[in-house]
Every structure is written in C-alpha cells, then in structure tokens.
Amino acid sequence: MTRGQPAAGERPTRVEPRPLPIIAVDLGALLTGSPRRAEALNQRGAVLRRLGRLEEALAAYDAALAIQPDYVEALNNRGIALWRLRRLDEALASYEQALAIRPDYAAAWNNRGMALQSLGRLDEALASYEQALAIRPDYAQAWNNSGYALHYLGRLDEALASYGKALAIRPDLVEALNNRGNALRELDRVEEALASYGEAIAIKPEYADAHWNEGLTRLSAGDFERGWQKYEWRWQLEQMCDCQRDFAAPLWLGKEDISGRTVLLHAEQGFGDTLQFCRYASAAAAHGASVVLEVQAPLKSLLRTLPGVERVVGQGEPLPPFDFHCPLMSLPLAFGTSLETIPAHTPYLRANPFRAAAWRARLAQFAGVKVGLVWAGSAWAHLPAVNWVDRRRSLQLQQMAELGAVGGVRLVSLQKGEPAAQAQDPPEGMELVDWTGELEDFADTAALVDALDLVITVDTSVAHLAGALGKPVWVLNRHDRCWRWLRDREGTPWYPTMRLFTQPSPSDWADVIRHAAAELHLFAARDGP
C-alpha cells in the first residue's frame, strides 16, 4: 500500500512543485537579510530534499527558521525531511509548530496525519486528514491518505469511498489507484483489484508498487506465470532497497547453465520466507550446481540438513567465491514454478534426532496428544505496513482459551518474543508447558516440534518450520491471508501436512478458534493414547 507524498510548503497552495535544479535557487538572496534570505534557504532545502540529501535539506530549513521562526512553509518542509529520516516525533512537532501559527494550513494537517500514521496512531491520523479536508475538500492526496488510514483500521468500504473521492478529483493519482486495488483485493474482488493496478501502471509504467501488488494478487489467485514475473518488482520498492545485494557475480534467473558452477542462494526477507523457499536449493543442485546457501544466523544450524547444499553461511560471514547468485524468493521464477510443479516433497528439513528424542522423553510425563502453540508474530518497528500485517495475524493467548478446554491435549508453547510472556498467565483451564527459554535457535525449535503431534500457529515462521519438517500443522489464517496460501483453500500445495483455518470475515478470530477447537477434539480422540 502506498500513501501520498507529503505536501510541500514552498508554495502553500501546491502539493509538490516540480524539482528545481540547484542553480534555480536564488543564491544572491542567501547573502541578503531576511525574509528574502529565509525564502532562499527554504527553496534550497526543497531542492536538496528532492535530491535525497536529507540532512543538508534539514540544515537549510533550520537556517531559514533561525532567521524567520514563524515561517510555516519551512516548518512544514522541515517536517517532511524529518519524516523521511524516520525521526517521526520530531516531524510531528514541526508540523504542529506550523499549525500553531497557521491553523488553516491544510498541507501541514495532511503531513501531520502521515507522521501519526507512521507512529501507529491511526485514529489521530484519520482525524488529522479530516481536518485537512475540512479546509480543502478538493485535496486529493488527503482523501487518499484518509483511505489509507481507514484501510489500516479495517474499515474497507469507507476506505474505498475515500479512494474514490481522491480519484474523482485526480483520476491520474496512481497512489490512490494502487491503494484502491489493495482494498479490493482484501475484499476478494480480485478482477477489480487487477484492473485498478492496471490503470495505475497505464498512467505510470514504472510504478513499482502497482506492479508488485499486481504480482501478489496474481500469485494469490494461482497465476504463477505472471505472478513470479511481477514479484521481481519488489526490488524497486523503497522498503526493499536495503535487502538488494550488489555482487560482482551475475544474477541467475534460470537462463544460464549452472552445471559445474557455484551458485550463491541468499535469504532476503523473514525467517518464514527462508524456510519456505530454501527447498529450491535441492533443485539447483540437481541441475549440477555447487550450492552455497546464505541465511539468517538463527537458521544456519538447521539448514545444514537441507539436501543438496554444499555449504551454509550465516549472514555477515565471509562468502566463498561463486559464479552466480540468486535471492531465495526469485527461485520460483528461475525454475518456472507453476501450481503443478511446486517442489512439495516433505520433509526437506530434519531435526537433530538426539535432541528430538530428549524432548520426547520430557513430554512423556504428560498424558494426551502434544500440541505446540504460537499465538503471535513479530512486530517490525521500522516498517509500519509490516506491523499492520502483524496486528492482523496475531492474537492474545486469552483468545485461545477454547483450545485449552479440549480434553486429551497437552499444549506446549512455541511462542518467542515479547508475546511469550503471556504464557505465564494462560486462560483459566489452560495447562500450558513453556520451555521456550531453552530454545536458542531454529534447530532447537525444530527438535521440539519434531517431538510434538501437532502444531497450531498463526501465520509465522513456525508454520513454515513445521511444514518443512513434515509435521501436522494448522495455521490460523487472517481473512485477507498472505498471497502464498492462495484463495479459497483449506490446504496448501506448498506443505502437504498443513491445514488452513481462515477467518470468514476480517478480525473474526472467534469462529476460527471455535472451528480449530472442534477439529482438535477429533484429532485428540483419533490420535490420542
């Protein structure tokens, strides 16, 4: 999803003037007294900001404000620079200074909303956008941003209406077309979503967000041929810039013969992504390649069990020489993966048998089937959009009380991170074993999972781990579900032992838990002692 750009204040009535070359700044004015000098410094800051030289831009705005402290356009522009530097609280303060001087400054209200939204204060952000629109009802960017906040709040129909108002004012506003597509996709209106992305791309052919979201939509619909191609647009996204690697060796996407060559396959996103797509290492080895696998350090020990890998390297460790490289999530494209050719043989990862046996011995003291439990994902403080997904996929342990009431079951916590503390205060009637303090990496977790009869988890890395180990795993799935789980399915071609329990409507976990509890009762009766 994409927000609009912050509205600049070089000209109070314009959203974002075209970039000016440095020579267009009135350098002569810099030598004169205020307010002409303050205006020139503000203009210089605007140019530097558009060149990506944010610290220099900030210094120019500060210099302008030292001359003219009530210069609201400079305060607004200073907020934009701070926002882009992710100094969100300072950005918010700068916008609020501008609004204290000029309460009817619509651009600052809009930008204040964007800062609040980045801080996760969605209701306040929405109120700020509404204030901007009360001043300027024809403010297309504010309508788009309002829709974005509504979408985050789960008010999808209202979000669509807001995007519609933005597009009625500016039919070429590609951010609104892209965001409308995202809302339509979440409402399962797939063809309309694809049409909206297509409109955005027709207006701006290099618009990466629309290409990327089209790719996710096609993948979720099973259109792998076009979906994997569009998935490569991820490298043009701002949030992915730090993940792209720059190697001297060429990128391999399936065209060159890799027989007898060394290929580096490297992780790029989260643990779950690595666990799902590392399976392709075996395919590369089957093509005659010598495979070097670079992964996140907590996965290194476990992924040494992956067939076909000659060497596993932790991220940050020195790499051996190699002839080609490929990010893990580009491998489905490289191998031309379709729904019918997903390499779905499991297990492709294996737990240490001695560690697993030790866990089984400890679990033997408990009667009934042994079921691992994960109720929450991990938040990424620097990525608000990822945090939004995490909020939608995560539960509180208290919401799983009905699972604890099923007879013949012993629940075992597999939850890590901050939500793990909830295991100390489980719902009434739930007996929960918690040995997670002894799990130092994924190899440890794999051994415990291998000793269990079933894993029940929200959409986290543990779901992929259990699937890769070939263990029965039930995923409690949010309504809009990740693209990889496809649409309208209770299982997945990626993991034969996985079942999906998907929300019938957004935020409806009660129905999911009720269904899972009923199935757990049957599972315990069938598989119990």
Protein backbone atom coordinates (compact mmCIF):
# COMPACT_ATOMS: atom_id res chain seq x y z
CA MET A 1 0.00 0.00 0.00
CA THR A 2 1.27 3.48 -0.74
CA ARG A 3 0.49 6.78 0.85
CA GLY A 4 0.67 10.03 -1.00
CA GLN A 5 3.79 12.10 -0.72
CA PRO A 6 3.90 14.77 2.00
CA ALA A 7 2.68 18.11 0.76
CA ALA A 8 5.49 20.62 0.49
CA GLY A 9 5.24 24.18 1.66
CA GLU A 10 7.33 26.11 -0.84
CA ARG A 11 4.01 27.30 -2.27
CA PRO A 12 1.18 26.95 0.23
CA THR A 13 -1.46 26.10 -2.38
CA ARG A 14 0.51 23.43 -4.22
CA VAL A 15 1.03 19.82 -3.20
CA GLU A 16 4.51 19.12 -4.57
CA PRO A 17 6.18 21.52 -7.03
CA ARG A 18 8.40 20.03 -9.71
CA PRO A 19 12.03 19.55 -8.65
CA LEU A 20 14.19 22.59 -9.23
CA PRO A 21 17.83 22.33 -10.24
CA ILE A 22 20.24 23.72 -7.68
CA ILE A 23 21.05 26.65 -9.95
CA ALA A 24 17.40 27.76 -9.74
CA VAL A 25 17.82 28.71 -6.09
CA ASP A 26 18.28 32.46 -5.68
CA LEU A 27 21.82 32.31 -4.36
CA GLY A 28 22.03 36.08 -4.27
CA ALA A 29 19.19 36.14 -1.79
CA LEU A 30 21.26 33.97 0.56
CA LEU A 31 23.55 36.95 1.06
CA THR A 32 20.80 39.39 1.93
CA GLY A 33 18.78 39.87 5.08
CA SER A 34 15.50 38.21 5.98
CA PRO A 35 12.88 37.42 4.84
CA ARG A 36 14.29 37.03 1.32
CA ARG A 37 17.21 35.02 2.65
CA ALA A 38 14.90 32.73 4.63
CA GLU A 39 12.87 32.06 1.49
CA ALA A 40 16.01 31.21 -0.48
CA LEU A 41 17.17 28.80 2.22
CA ASN A 42 13.75 27.16 2.21
CA GLN A 43 13.97 26.74 -1.56
CA ARG A 44 17.47 25.30 -1.23
CA GLY A 45 16.20 22.81 1.33
CA ALA A 46 13.44 21.74 -1.07
CA VAL A 47 15.93 21.04 -3.84
CA LEU A 48 18.29 19.15 -1.54
CA ARG A 49 15.38 17.10 -0.21
CA ARG A 50 14.39 16.05 -3.72
CA LEU A 51 17.98 15.05 -4.41
CA GLY A 52 17.82 12.78 -1.37
CA ARG A 53 20.30 14.88 0.61
CA LEU A 54 18.04 14.99 3.63
CA GLU A 55 20.48 16.07 6.32
CA GLU A 56 21.60 19.03 4.19
CA ALA A 57 17.97 19.89 3.47
CA LEU A 58 17.22 19.83 7.18
CA ALA A 59 20.14 22.19 7.83
CA ALA A 60 18.80 24.60 5.21
CA TYR A 61 15.32 24.60 6.77
CA ASP A 62 16.82 25.15 10.22
CA ALA A 63 18.83 28.08 8.88
CA ALA A 64 15.67 29.58 7.36
CA LEU A 65 13.85 29.21 10.66
CA ALA A 66 16.71 30.77 12.59
CA ILE A 67 16.06 33.90 10.52
CA GLN A 68 12.25 33.65 10.49
CA PRO A 69 10.92 31.37 13.28
CA ASP A 70 7.30 31.74 12.16
CA TYR A 71 7.98 30.65 8.56
CA VAL A 72 5.29 27.98 8.32
CA GLU A 73 6.31 26.61 4.91
CA ALA A 74 9.81 25.96 6.24
CA LEU A 75 8.37 24.28 9.36
CA ASN A 76 6.22 22.05 7.14
CA ASN A 77 9.14 21.21 4.85
CA ARG A 78 11.37 20.55 7.83
CA GLY A 79 8.76 18.03 9.00
CA ILE A 80 8.90 16.29 5.62
CA ALA A 81 12.69 15.93 5.82
CA LEU A 82 12.45 14.60 9.38
CA TRP A 83 9.67 12.18 8.38
CA ARG A 84 11.82 10.80 5.58
CA LEU A 85 14.71 10.42 8.02
CA ARG A 86 12.30 8.40 10.22
CA ARG A 87 12.63 10.96 13.02
CA LEU A 88 8.88 10.78 13.44
CA ASP A 89 8.34 12.53 16.77
CA GLU A 90 10.41 15.49 15.58
CA ALA A 91 8.50 15.60 12.32
CA LEU A 92 5.21 15.65 14.20
CA ALA A 93 6.44 18.51 16.41
CA SER A 94 7.48 20.52 13.35
CA TYR A 95 4.06 20.14 11.73
CA GLU A 96 2.36 21.12 14.96
CA GLN A 97 4.52 24.24 15.22
CA ALA A 98 3.37 25.22 11.75
CA LEU A 99 -0.27 24.61 12.66
CA ALA A 100 0.00 26.62 15.87
CA ILE A 101 0.93 29.59 13.66
CA ARG A 102 -1.47 28.83 10.79
CA PRO A 103 -4.34 26.55 11.86
CA ASP A 104 -5.84 26.55 8.36
CA TYR A 105 -2.69 25.10 6.72
CA ALA A 106 -4.15 22.01 5.03
CA ALA A 107 -0.81 20.60 3.85
CA ALA A 108 0.53 20.53 7.39
CA TRP A 109 -2.61 18.77 8.65
CA ASN A 110 -2.14 16.15 5.92
CA ASN A 111 1.52 15.69 6.72
CA ARG A 112 0.82 15.56 10.44
CA GLY A 113 -1.54 12.68 9.69
CA MET A 114 1.20 10.83 7.85
CA ALA A 115 3.56 11.21 10.80
CA LEU A 116 0.89 10.00 13.21
CA GLN A 117 0.13 7.06 10.98
CA SER A 118 3.81 6.12 10.81
CA LEU A 119 3.78 6.17 14.63
CA GLY A 120 0.82 3.76 14.62
CA ARG A 121 -1.63 6.37 15.96
CA LEU A 122 -4.25 5.64 13.33
CA ASP A 123 -7.31 7.29 14.82
CA GLU A 124 -5.39 10.54 15.36
CA ALA A 125 -4.01 10.30 11.82
CA LEU A 126 -7.50 9.95 10.40
CA ALA A 127 -8.69 12.97 12.38
CA SER A 128 -5.77 14.99 11.00
CA TYR A 129 -6.64 14.06 7.42
CA GLU A 130 -10.25 15.01 8.10
CA GLN A 131 -9.09 18.40 9.35
CA ALA A 132 -7.14 18.90 6.12
CA LEU A 133 -10.21 18.00 4.10
CA ALA A 134 -12.44 20.35 6.10
CA ILE A 135 -10.13 23.15 4.96
CA ARG A 136 -9.61 21.84 1.40
CA PRO A 137 -12.39 19.47 0.27
CA ASP A 138 -10.66 19.06 -3.11
CA TYR A 139 -7.40 17.83 -1.55
CA ALA A 140 -6.90 14.55 -3.44
CA GLN A 141 -3.81 13.46 -1.53
CA ALA A 142 -5.59 13.88 1.79
CA TRP A 143 -8.52 11.78 0.53
CA ASN A 144 -6.03 9.10 -0.48
CA ASN A 145 -4.29 9.24 2.88
CA SER A 146 -7.62 9.15 4.68
CA GLY A 147 -8.44 6.00 2.74
CA TYR A 148 -5.09 4.55 3.72
CA ALA A 149 -5.80 5.14 7.43
CA LEU A 150 -9.30 3.70 7.11
CA HIS A 151 -7.84 0.65 5.41
CA TYR A 152 -5.36 0.18 8.28
CA LEU A 153 -8.30 0.42 10.69
CA GLY A 154 -10.12 -2.34 8.81
CA ARG A 155 -12.87 -0.05 7.52
CA LEU A 156 -12.51 -1.23 3.94
CA ASP A 157 -15.77 0.06 2.46
CA GLU A 158 -15.06 3.54 3.84
CA ALA A 159 -11.50 3.29 2.51
CA LEU A 160 -12.82 2.51 -0.96
CA ALA A 161 -15.12 5.52 -0.80
CA SER A 162 -12.22 7.75 0.23
CA TYR A 163 -10.03 6.49 -2.61
CA GLY A 164 -12.96 7.10 -4.95
CA LYS A 165 -13.17 10.73 -3.86
CA ALA A 166 -9.44 11.17 -4.41
CA LEU A 167 -9.76 9.75 -7.92
CA ALA A 168 -12.82 11.87 -8.74
CA ILE A 169 -10.61 14.91 -8.12
CA ARG A 170 -7.44 13.47 -9.67
CA PRO A 171 -8.08 10.46 -11.92
CA ASP A 172 -4.32 10.16 -12.50
CA LEU A 173 -3.42 9.80 -8.81
CA VAL A 174 -1.60 6.49 -9.07
CA GLU A 175 -1.20 6.09 -5.30
CA ALA A 176 -4.99 6.09 -4.91
CA LEU A 177 -5.41 3.61 -7.78
CA ASN A 178 -2.88 1.29 -6.18
CA ASN A 179 -4.43 1.61 -2.73
CA ARG A 180 -7.90 1.04 -4.14
CA GLY A 181 -6.58 -2.16 -5.70
CA ASN A 182 -5.27 -3.31 -2.32
CA ALA A 183 -8.63 -2.72 -0.65
CA LEU A 184 -10.44 -4.56 -3.44
CA ARG A 185 -8.01 -7.48 -3.18
CA GLU A 186 -8.63 -7.71 0.55
CA LEU A 187 -12.36 -7.84 -0.19
CA ASP A 188 -11.72 -10.74 -2.64
CA ARG A 189 -12.71 -8.58 -5.60
CA VAL A 190 -9.68 -9.79 -7.50
CA GLU A 191 -10.55 -8.78 -11.05
CA GLU A 192 -11.44 -5.26 -9.94
CA ALA A 193 -8.17 -5.08 -8.00
CA LEU A 194 -6.17 -6.10 -11.07
CA ALA A 195 -7.99 -3.50 -13.14
CA SER A 196 -7.12 -0.78 -10.63
CA TYR A 197 -3.43 -1.73 -10.65
CA GLY A 198 -3.57 -1.79 -14.45
CA GLU A 199 -4.93 1.76 -14.52
CA ALA A 200 -2.07 2.94 -12.30
CA ILE A 201 0.52 1.22 -14.48
CA ALA A 202 -1.00 2.68 -17.67
CA ILE A 203 -0.51 6.17 -16.22
CA LYS A 204 2.92 5.49 -14.70
CA PRO A 205 4.52 2.42 -16.34
CA GLU A 206 7.43 2.26 -13.87
CA TYR A 207 5.23 2.47 -10.77
CA ALA A 208 6.75 -0.35 -8.73
CA ASP A 209 4.06 -0.53 -6.02
CA ALA A 210 1.32 -1.29 -8.53
CA HIS A 211 3.40 -3.92 -10.34
CA TRP A 212 4.30 -5.53 -7.02
CA ASN A 213 0.72 -5.60 -5.76
CA GLU A 214 -0.47 -6.96 -9.07
CA GLY A 215 2.08 -9.72 -8.64
CA LEU A 216 0.86 -10.59 -5.15
CA THR A 217 -2.73 -10.64 -6.40
CA ARG A 218 -1.87 -12.95 -9.30
CA LEU A 219 0.11 -15.28 -7.04
CA SER A 220 -2.78 -15.48 -4.57
CA ALA A 221 -5.06 -16.41 -7.50
CA GLY A 222 -2.66 -19.13 -8.70
CA ASP A 223 -1.46 -17.21 -11.76
CA PHE A 224 2.17 -18.08 -11.14
CA GLU A 225 3.42 -17.39 -14.65
CA ARG A 226 2.69 -13.66 -14.46
CA GLY A 227 2.84 -13.50 -10.67
CA TRP A 228 6.50 -14.51 -10.32
CA GLN A 229 7.48 -12.05 -13.04
CA LYS A 230 5.73 -9.20 -11.25
CA TYR A 231 7.21 -10.31 -7.91
CA GLU A 232 10.61 -9.13 -9.15
CA TRP A 233 9.34 -5.54 -8.89
CA ARG A 234 9.97 -5.83 -5.15
CA TRP A 235 13.50 -4.54 -5.71
CA GLN A 236 12.11 -1.20 -6.84
CA LEU A 237 10.17 -0.72 -3.59
CA GLU A 238 11.56 1.74 -1.09
CA GLN A 239 11.25 -0.71 1.81
CA MET A 240 13.26 -3.35 -0.08
CA CYS A 241 16.20 -1.18 -1.12
CA ASP A 242 18.32 -2.32 1.84
CA CYS A 243 17.68 -6.01 1.03
CA GLN A 244 19.03 -5.99 -2.52
CA ARG A 245 22.58 -7.28 -2.83
CA ASP A 246 25.26 -5.95 -5.15
CA PHE A 247 27.56 -8.78 -6.19
CA ALA A 248 30.19 -8.90 -8.93
CA ALA A 249 28.82 -12.29 -9.98
CA PRO A 250 25.74 -12.13 -12.22
CA LEU A 251 22.18 -12.73 -11.10
CA TRP A 252 20.84 -16.12 -12.12
CA LEU A 253 17.16 -16.37 -13.03
CA GLY A 254 17.20 -19.72 -14.80
CA LYS A 255 18.63 -18.80 -18.19
CA GLU A 256 22.28 -19.82 -17.86
CA ASP A 257 23.59 -23.37 -17.49
CA ILE A 258 24.74 -23.75 -13.87
CA SER A 259 26.12 -27.27 -14.19
CA GLY A 260 29.56 -27.33 -12.64
CA ARG A 261 29.22 -23.74 -11.39
CA THR A 262 28.97 -22.42 -7.84
CA VAL A 263 25.69 -20.63 -7.10
CA LEU A 264 25.04 -18.49 -4.03
CA LEU A 265 21.43 -18.62 -2.88
CA HIS A 266 20.76 -15.93 -0.29
CA ALA A 267 17.94 -15.08 2.12
CA GLU A 268 16.33 -11.69 1.69
CA GLN A 269 13.26 -11.32 3.93
CA GLY A 270 11.92 -13.06 7.04
CA PHE A 271 12.60 -16.44 8.63
CA GLY A 272 9.41 -17.93 7.19
CA ASP A 273 10.36 -16.88 3.66
CA THR A 274 13.76 -18.54 4.03
CA LEU A 275 12.22 -21.75 5.40
CA GLN A 276 9.69 -21.90 2.57
CA PHE A 277 11.99 -21.20 -0.37
CA CYS A 278 15.23 -22.85 0.76
CA ARG A 279 13.73 -26.05 -0.69
CA TYR A 280 14.86 -24.84 -4.13
CA ALA A 281 18.50 -25.42 -3.16
CA SER A 282 17.95 -29.09 -3.93
CA ALA A 283 16.65 -28.21 -7.40
CA ALA A 284 19.74 -26.10 -8.10
CA ALA A 285 21.95 -28.99 -7.00
CA ALA A 286 20.00 -31.34 -9.28
CA HIS A 287 20.97 -29.02 -12.17
CA GLY A 288 24.60 -29.73 -11.36
CA ALA A 289 25.36 -26.61 -9.32
CA SER A 290 27.52 -26.43 -6.25
CA VAL A 291 25.16 -24.63 -3.86
CA VAL A 292 26.23 -22.14 -1.20
CA LEU A 293 23.32 -21.02 0.99
CA GLU A 294 23.49 -17.76 2.97
CA VAL A 295 20.79 -17.44 5.65
CA GLN A 296 19.95 -15.63 8.88
CA ALA A 297 22.22 -16.82 11.71
CA PRO A 298 19.43 -18.50 13.79
CA LEU A 299 18.65 -20.75 10.79
CA LYS A 300 22.21 -21.75 9.97
CA SER A 301 22.40 -24.95 12.04
CA LEU A 302 19.01 -26.26 10.93
CA LEU A 303 19.54 -25.56 7.23
CA ARG A 304 22.68 -27.67 7.18
CA THR A 305 20.21 -30.59 6.98
CA LEU A 306 18.87 -29.35 3.63
CA PRO A 307 19.69 -31.83 0.82
CA GLY A 308 21.92 -30.59 -1.98
CA VAL A 309 23.64 -27.77 -0.10
CA GLU A 310 27.42 -27.86 -0.09
CA ARG A 311 27.90 -25.03 2.42
CA VAL A 312 25.65 -22.92 4.68
CA VAL A 313 26.87 -19.44 5.62
CA GLY A 314 25.37 -17.10 8.19
CA GLN A 315 24.56 -13.55 7.11
CA GLY A 316 27.54 -11.33 7.79
CA GLU A 317 30.08 -14.15 7.47
CA PRO A 318 32.67 -14.17 4.64
CA LEU A 319 31.39 -15.73 1.44
CA PRO A 320 33.36 -18.17 -0.70
CA PRO A 321 33.86 -17.45 -4.43
CA PHE A 322 30.77 -18.07 -6.58
CA ASP A 323 29.79 -17.79 -10.25
CA PHE A 324 26.12 -16.80 -9.95
CA HIS A 325 23.76 -15.63 -7.23
CA CYS A 326 20.00 -15.70 -6.75
CA PRO A 327 17.76 -14.42 -3.92
CA LEU A 328 15.72 -17.27 -2.46
CA MET A 329 12.40 -15.71 -3.41
CA SER A 330 13.42 -15.39 -7.05
CA LEU A 331 13.97 -19.15 -7.33
CA PRO A 332 10.32 -19.98 -8.19
CA LEU A 333 10.73 -17.69 -11.21
CA ALA A 334 14.10 -19.18 -12.09
CA PHE A 335 12.64 -22.69 -12.09
CA GLY A 336 9.38 -21.69 -13.83
CA THR A 337 7.23 -22.87 -10.92
CA SER A 338 3.54 -23.45 -11.56
CA LEU A 339 0.89 -24.75 -9.16
CA GLU A 340 1.53 -28.22 -10.57
CA THR A 341 5.32 -28.10 -10.22
CA ILE A 342 5.75 -26.74 -6.69
CA PRO A 343 8.51 -28.84 -5.08
CA ALA A 344 6.24 -30.06 -2.29
CA HIS A 345 8.10 -33.14 -1.07
CA THR A 346 8.46 -33.02 2.70
CA PRO A 347 10.31 -33.28 4.94
CA TYR A 348 13.12 -31.34 3.35
CA LEU A 349 14.47 -30.24 6.73
CA ARG A 350 15.24 -32.59 9.62
CA ALA A 351 15.54 -32.15 13.36
CA ASN A 352 18.52 -33.50 15.24
CA PRO A 353 17.28 -36.99 16.25
CA PHE A 354 19.06 -36.96 19.62
CA ARG A 355 17.61 -33.59 20.61
CA ALA A 356 14.14 -34.66 19.43
CA ALA A 357 14.40 -37.88 21.47
CA ALA A 358 15.31 -35.85 24.55
CA TRP A 359 12.22 -33.69 24.10
CA ARG A 360 10.02 -36.79 23.65
CA ALA A 361 11.34 -38.17 26.91
CA ARG A 362 10.43 -34.96 28.73
CA LEU A 363 7.00 -34.82 27.11
CA ALA A 364 6.24 -38.42 28.09
CA GLN A 365 5.35 -37.25 31.61
CA PHE A 366 2.18 -35.67 30.17
CA ALA A 367 -0.87 -37.61 29.04
CA GLY A 368 -2.66 -36.91 25.77
CA VAL A 369 -1.56 -35.60 22.41
CA LYS A 370 1.16 -32.94 22.50
CA VAL A 371 0.25 -29.76 20.61
CA GLY A 372 2.59 -26.81 20.05
CA LEU A 373 1.04 -23.35 20.17
CA VAL A 374 2.04 -19.98 18.65
CA TRP A 375 -0.37 -17.07 19.03
CA ALA A 376 1.50 -14.02 17.76
CA GLY A 377 4.02 -12.88 15.17
CA SER A 378 6.82 -10.37 15.43
CA ALA A 379 6.50 -6.61 15.05
CA TRP A 380 8.97 -4.61 12.93
CA ALA A 381 9.15 -1.15 14.48
CA HIS A 382 10.73 0.46 11.40
CA LEU A 383 8.12 -0.88 8.95
CA PRO A 384 4.59 0.34 9.81
CA ALA A 385 2.99 -1.63 6.97
CA VAL A 386 4.57 -4.86 8.24
CA ASN A 387 3.39 -4.05 11.75
CA TRP A 388 -0.11 -3.63 10.38
CA VAL A 389 0.01 -7.15 8.96
CA ASP A 390 1.39 -8.45 12.24
CA ARG A 391 -1.50 -6.90 14.17
CA ARG A 392 -3.98 -8.63 11.87
CA ARG A 393 -2.34 -12.06 12.12
CA SER A 394 -1.62 -12.04 15.88
CA LEU A 395 -3.85 -12.97 18.80
CA GLN A 396 -3.67 -12.74 22.55
CA LEU A 397 -3.26 -16.09 24.30
CA GLN A 398 -6.54 -15.40 26.12
CA GLN A 399 -8.34 -15.67 22.77
CA MET A 400 -7.22 -19.32 22.54
CA ALA A 401 -8.95 -20.35 25.77
CA GLU A 402 -11.27 -22.72 23.90
CA LEU A 403 -8.28 -24.77 22.72
CA GLY A 404 -7.20 -25.20 26.33
CA ALA A 405 -10.59 -26.67 27.20
CA VAL A 406 -10.22 -29.62 24.79
CA GLY A 407 -9.68 -32.87 26.69
CA GLY A 408 -6.83 -35.27 25.97
CA VAL A 409 -4.47 -32.47 24.89
CA ARG A 410 -1.30 -31.04 26.41
CA LEU A 411 -0.45 -27.62 24.99
CA VAL A 412 3.22 -26.65 24.63
CA SER A 413 4.26 -23.07 23.99
CA LEU A 414 6.43 -22.40 20.94
CA GLN A 415 5.92 -18.65 21.24
CA LYS A 416 9.01 -16.45 21.20
CA GLY A 417 9.48 -12.70 21.50
CA GLU A 418 7.55 -10.24 23.63
CA PRO A 419 4.19 -12.11 23.41
CA ALA A 420 5.84 -15.16 25.03
CA ALA A 421 5.31 -13.52 28.45
CA GLN A 422 1.59 -14.29 28.13
CA ALA A 423 2.41 -17.96 28.74
CA GLN A 424 2.93 -17.05 32.39
CA ASP A 425 -0.75 -16.14 32.70
CA PRO A 426 -2.72 -18.56 30.50
CA PRO A 427 -6.53 -18.53 30.32
CA GLU A 428 -8.39 -20.29 33.09
CA GLY A 429 -8.38 -24.02 32.48
CA MET A 430 -5.47 -23.99 30.02
CA GLU A 431 -2.44 -26.02 31.09
CA LEU A 432 0.48 -24.75 29.05
CA VAL A 433 4.02 -26.13 29.16
CA ASP A 434 6.61 -23.44 28.47
CA TRP A 435 10.19 -24.48 27.74
CA THR A 436 10.86 -21.74 25.20
CA GLY A 437 13.63 -20.29 27.35
CA GLU A 438 15.69 -23.32 26.30
CA LEU A 439 15.22 -22.69 22.56
CA GLU A 440 18.23 -20.75 21.29
CA ASP A 441 17.85 -21.20 17.54
CA PHE A 442 15.63 -22.86 14.96
CA ALA A 443 17.45 -26.19 15.32
CA ASP A 444 16.32 -26.28 18.96
CA THR A 445 12.76 -25.37 17.99
CA ALA A 446 12.79 -27.99 15.22
CA ALA A 447 13.72 -30.69 17.71
CA LEU A 448 10.82 -29.77 20.00
CA VAL A 449 8.40 -29.54 17.06
CA ASP A 450 9.54 -32.98 15.89
CA ALA A 451 8.60 -34.39 19.30
CA LEU A 452 5.05 -32.99 19.11
CA ASP A 453 1.96 -34.49 17.49
CA LEU A 454 0.59 -31.25 16.05
CA VAL A 455 1.41 -27.54 15.82
CA ILE A 456 -1.29 -24.83 15.87
CA THR A 457 0.04 -21.42 14.93
CA VAL A 458 -0.84 -18.10 13.43
CA ASP A 459 0.94 -17.29 10.15
CA THR A 460 4.54 -17.22 11.42
CA SER A 461 7.89 -18.86 10.75
CA VAL A 462 6.88 -21.80 12.97
CA ALA A 463 4.18 -22.68 10.42
CA HIS A 464 6.86 -23.00 7.74
CA LEU A 465 9.18 -24.87 10.08
CA ALA A 466 6.56 -27.47 10.93
CA GLY A 467 5.58 -27.79 7.27
CA ALA A 468 9.20 -28.22 6.19
CA LEU A 469 9.64 -30.94 8.84
CA GLY A 470 6.54 -32.73 7.54
CA LYS A 471 4.67 -32.34 10.85
CA PRO A 472 0.91 -31.79 11.00
CA VAL A 473 0.39 -28.02 11.32
CA TRP A 474 -2.76 -25.90 11.48
CA VAL A 475 -2.46 -22.26 10.52
CA LEU A 476 -4.94 -19.79 12.00
CA ASN A 477 -5.18 -17.51 9.00
CA ARG A 478 -6.29 -13.88 8.75
CA HIS A 479 -9.15 -13.11 6.37
CA ASP A 480 -7.00 -11.37 3.74
CA ARG A 481 -4.38 -14.16 4.03
CA CYS A 482 -0.85 -13.99 2.69
CA TRP A 483 -0.54 -14.49 -1.06
CA ARG A 484 1.33 -17.79 -0.59
CA TRP A 485 -1.71 -19.54 0.89
CA LEU A 486 -3.78 -18.84 -2.26
CA ARG A 487 -7.51 -18.24 -2.14
CA ASP A 488 -10.44 -20.40 -1.02
CA ARG A 489 -8.34 -23.33 0.17
CA GLU A 490 -8.18 -25.39 3.35
CA GLY A 491 -4.77 -26.76 2.44
CA THR A 492 -1.73 -25.57 0.53
CA PRO A 493 0.33 -27.16 -2.24
CA TRP A 494 3.48 -25.88 -0.52
CA TYR A 495 3.10 -28.12 2.56
CA PRO A 496 1.07 -31.36 2.32
CA THR A 497 0.72 -31.61 6.13
CA MET A 498 -0.73 -28.10 6.58
CA ARG A 499 -4.36 -27.08 7.14
CA LEU A 500 -5.63 -23.52 6.92
CA PHE A 501 -8.33 -22.18 9.25
CA THR A 502 -9.19 -18.83 7.65
CA GLN A 503 -11.28 -16.03 9.15
CA PRO A 504 -14.70 -15.84 7.44
CA SER A 505 -14.56 -12.04 7.85
CA PRO A 506 -11.90 -9.55 8.97
CA SER A 507 -10.96 -9.82 12.68
CA ASP A 508 -13.26 -12.81 13.29
CA TRP A 509 -10.93 -14.99 15.33
CA ALA A 510 -13.74 -16.42 17.43
CA ASP A 511 -15.05 -18.50 14.53
CA VAL A 512 -11.53 -19.69 13.67
CA ILE A 513 -10.79 -20.77 17.25
CA ARG A 514 -14.18 -22.48 17.54
CA HIS A 515 -13.51 -24.47 14.35
CA ALA A 516 -9.97 -25.37 15.40
CA ALA A 517 -11.15 -26.49 18.85
CA ALA A 518 -13.77 -28.80 17.31
CA GLU A 519 -11.16 -30.30 15.00
CA LEU A 520 -8.68 -30.61 17.87
CA HIS A 521 -11.24 -32.62 19.83
CA LEU A 522 -11.48 -35.04 16.89
CA PHE A 523 -7.70 -35.13 16.48
CA ALA A 524 -7.20 -35.97 20.17
CA ALA A 525 -9.84 -38.70 20.05
CA ARG A 526 -8.30 -40.22 16.94
CA ASP A 527 -4.58 -39.86 17.69
CA GLY A 528 -4.54 -39.93 21.49
CA PRO A 529 -3.47 -42.88 23.64
